[in-house]
Amino acid sequence: MTIQVEMIDGTICRVVPKGLDLLLGRDLVKRFRRSSGWAVVGKDPIRYPDKMVGYHGPERRIAA
């Protein structure tokens, strides 16, 4: 499976999901295509695997 990506220089290419993660981590992607349409970096919610921050709020789950 490949994902259509538009780079910040306007180049459009196809990459595998891991390649998209790497490009997003290097801030080289302007937008990429999802099944629902184009996701714009900086506007639409995007997961950044290398930049994920843990939850720092109070624990509200009940232990089983």
N, C-alpha and C. Protein backbone atom coordinates (compact mmCIF):
# COMPACT_ATOMS: atom_id res chain seq x y z
N MET A 1 0.84 -1.17 0.00
CA MET A 1 0.00 0.00 0.00
C MET A 1 0.88 1.24 0.00
N THR A 2 0.57 2.19 -0.85
CA THR A 2 1.31 3.45 -0.88
C THR A 2 0.37 4.62 -0.63
N ILE A 3 0.95 5.73 -0.22
CA ILE A 3 0.19 6.93 0.10
C ILE A 3 0.68 8.06 -0.79
N GLN A 4 -0.25 8.78 -1.39
CA GLN A 4 0.10 9.92 -2.22
C GLN A 4 0.47 11.10 -1.32
N VAL A 5 1.62 11.72 -1.58
CA VAL A 5 2.16 12.77 -0.74
C VAL A 5 2.55 13.97 -1.60
N GLU A 6 2.23 15.18 -1.13
CA GLU A 6 2.73 16.39 -1.76
C GLU A 6 3.78 16.98 -0.83
N MET A 7 5.00 17.11 -1.35
CA MET A 7 6.10 17.63 -0.57
C MET A 7 6.02 19.16 -0.49
N ILE A 8 6.79 19.77 0.40
CA ILE A 8 6.74 21.23 0.55
C ILE A 8 7.23 21.96 -0.69
N ASP A 9 8.00 21.28 -1.55
CA ASP A 9 8.45 21.90 -2.80
C ASP A 9 7.47 21.71 -3.95
N GLY A 10 6.32 21.06 -3.67
CA GLY A 10 5.30 20.86 -4.68
C GLY A 10 5.36 19.52 -5.40
N THR A 11 6.40 18.76 -5.19
CA THR A 11 6.54 17.44 -5.80
C THR A 11 5.50 16.49 -5.22
N ILE A 12 4.86 15.72 -6.09
CA ILE A 12 3.90 14.71 -5.65
C ILE A 12 4.50 13.34 -5.91
N CYS A 13 4.46 12.50 -4.89
CA CYS A 13 5.03 11.15 -5.00
C CYS A 13 4.20 10.18 -4.18
N ARG A 14 4.55 8.91 -4.26
CA ARG A 14 3.89 7.87 -3.47
C ARG A 14 4.93 7.24 -2.56
N VAL A 15 4.55 7.03 -1.31
CA VAL A 15 5.46 6.43 -0.34
C VAL A 15 4.71 5.37 0.48
N VAL A 16 5.47 4.47 1.08
CA VAL A 16 4.89 3.50 2.00
C VAL A 16 4.64 4.21 3.33
N PRO A 17 3.77 3.67 4.19
CA PRO A 17 3.45 4.34 5.46
C PRO A 17 4.67 4.72 6.31
N LYS A 18 5.67 3.85 6.38
CA LYS A 18 6.88 4.16 7.16
C LYS A 18 7.61 5.36 6.54
N GLY A 19 7.61 5.44 5.22
CA GLY A 19 8.23 6.58 4.53
C GLY A 19 7.52 7.87 4.85
N LEU A 20 6.20 7.82 4.94
CA LEU A 20 5.44 9.01 5.32
C LEU A 20 5.81 9.44 6.72
N ASP A 21 5.93 8.49 7.64
CA ASP A 21 6.34 8.82 9.01
C ASP A 21 7.69 9.54 9.02
N LEU A 22 8.63 9.02 8.24
CA LEU A 22 9.96 9.63 8.18
C LEU A 22 9.91 11.04 7.60
N LEU A 23 9.16 11.21 6.53
CA LEU A 23 9.04 12.53 5.90
C LEU A 23 8.34 13.53 6.82
N LEU A 24 7.30 13.08 7.52
CA LEU A 24 6.61 13.96 8.47
C LEU A 24 7.55 14.36 9.61
N GLY A 25 8.36 13.44 10.07
CA GLY A 25 9.32 13.73 11.13
C GLY A 25 10.37 14.74 10.72
N ARG A 26 10.62 14.84 9.43
CA ARG A 26 11.61 15.80 8.91
C ARG A 26 10.96 17.07 8.37
N ASP A 27 9.64 17.22 8.58
CA ASP A 27 8.89 18.40 8.14
C ASP A 27 9.03 18.66 6.64
N LEU A 28 8.93 17.60 5.83
CA LEU A 28 9.07 17.72 4.39
C LEU A 28 7.75 17.60 3.65
N VAL A 29 6.66 17.33 4.36
CA VAL A 29 5.37 17.06 3.73
C VAL A 29 4.44 18.26 3.89
N LYS A 30 3.83 18.67 2.77
CA LYS A 30 2.82 19.72 2.79
C LYS A 30 1.45 19.13 3.07
N ARG A 31 1.13 18.02 2.39
CA ARG A 31 -0.15 17.33 2.60
C ARG A 31 -0.03 15.91 2.07
N PHE A 32 -0.94 15.05 2.50
CA PHE A 32 -0.98 13.67 2.01
C PHE A 32 -2.42 13.22 1.92
N ARG A 33 -2.66 12.23 1.05
CA ARG A 33 -4.02 11.78 0.79
C ARG A 33 -4.42 10.68 1.76
N ARG A 34 -5.60 10.89 2.37
CA ARG A 34 -6.26 9.88 3.19
C ARG A 34 -7.47 9.40 2.42
N SER A 35 -8.13 8.37 2.94
CA SER A 35 -9.34 7.88 2.27
C SER A 35 -10.43 8.96 2.25
N SER A 36 -10.38 9.87 3.23
CA SER A 36 -11.38 10.94 3.32
C SER A 36 -10.99 12.19 2.55
N GLY A 37 -9.81 12.20 1.94
CA GLY A 37 -9.34 13.37 1.20
C GLY A 37 -7.94 13.77 1.64
N TRP A 38 -7.52 14.97 1.25
CA TRP A 38 -6.18 15.44 1.59
C TRP A 38 -6.11 15.90 3.04
N ALA A 39 -5.06 15.48 3.73
CA ALA A 39 -4.77 15.93 5.09
C ALA A 39 -3.64 16.96 4.97
N VAL A 40 -3.88 18.17 5.44
CA VAL A 40 -2.91 19.25 5.35
C VAL A 40 -2.12 19.33 6.66
N VAL A 41 -0.81 19.24 6.54
CA VAL A 41 0.07 19.30 7.71
C VAL A 41 -0.03 20.70 8.33
N GLY A 42 -0.24 20.74 9.63
CA GLY A 42 -0.38 22.01 10.33
C GLY A 42 -1.81 22.47 10.47
N LYS A 43 -2.72 21.84 9.72
CA LYS A 43 -4.14 22.20 9.78
C LYS A 43 -4.98 21.04 10.29
N ASP A 44 -4.78 19.87 9.73
CA ASP A 44 -5.55 18.68 10.10
C ASP A 44 -4.81 17.90 11.19
N PRO A 45 -5.56 17.16 12.03
CA PRO A 45 -4.90 16.36 13.07
C PRO A 45 -4.06 15.24 12.45
N ILE A 46 -2.82 15.15 12.88
CA ILE A 46 -1.89 14.16 12.36
C ILE A 46 -1.11 13.58 13.53
N ARG A 47 -0.91 12.28 13.50
CA ARG A 47 -0.10 11.62 14.54
C ARG A 47 1.36 11.72 14.14
N TYR A 48 2.19 12.07 15.10
CA TYR A 48 3.63 12.11 14.90
C TYR A 48 4.25 11.06 15.83
N PRO A 49 4.55 9.86 15.33
CA PRO A 49 5.04 8.79 16.20
C PRO A 49 6.29 9.17 17.00
N ASP A 50 7.23 9.89 16.41
CA ASP A 50 8.46 10.25 17.11
C ASP A 50 8.28 11.42 18.06
N LYS A 51 7.20 12.18 17.90
CA LYS A 51 6.99 13.37 18.71
C LYS A 51 5.83 13.22 19.69
N MET A 52 5.34 11.99 19.86
CA MET A 52 4.20 11.77 20.74
C MET A 52 4.60 12.05 22.18
N VAL A 53 3.73 12.73 22.87
CA VAL A 53 3.95 13.05 24.27
C VAL A 53 2.90 12.31 25.07
N GLY A 54 3.29 11.73 26.19
CA GLY A 54 2.36 10.99 27.02
C GLY A 54 1.36 11.90 27.70
N TYR A 55 0.33 11.31 28.22
CA TYR A 55 -0.72 12.04 28.93
C TYR A 55 -0.20 12.42 30.30
N HIS A 56 -0.38 13.70 30.69
CA HIS A 56 0.14 14.20 31.96
C HIS A 56 -0.97 14.64 32.91
N GLY A 57 -2.20 14.26 32.64
CA GLY A 57 -3.32 14.64 33.50
C GLY A 57 -3.56 13.61 34.59
N PRO A 58 -4.61 13.81 35.35
CA PRO A 58 -4.93 12.86 36.44
C PRO A 58 -5.40 11.51 35.89
N GLU A 59 -5.09 10.45 36.60
CA GLU A 59 -5.52 9.12 36.22
C GLU A 59 -7.00 8.95 36.58
N ARG A 60 -7.84 8.67 35.56
CA ARG A 60 -9.27 8.55 35.81
C ARG A 60 -9.81 7.18 35.48
N ARG A 61 -8.94 6.27 35.04
CA ARG A 61 -9.40 4.92 34.75
C ARG A 61 -9.50 4.13 36.06
N ILE A 62 -10.48 3.28 36.11
CA ILE A 62 -10.65 2.44 37.30
C ILE A 62 -9.91 1.14 37.07
N ALA A 63 -9.06 0.79 38.02
CA ALA A 63 -8.30 -0.46 37.92
C ALA A 63 -9.25 -1.65 38.08
N ALA A 64 -9.07 -2.64 37.25
CA ALA A 64 -9.95 -3.83 37.30
C ALA A 64 -9.51 -4.79 38.37
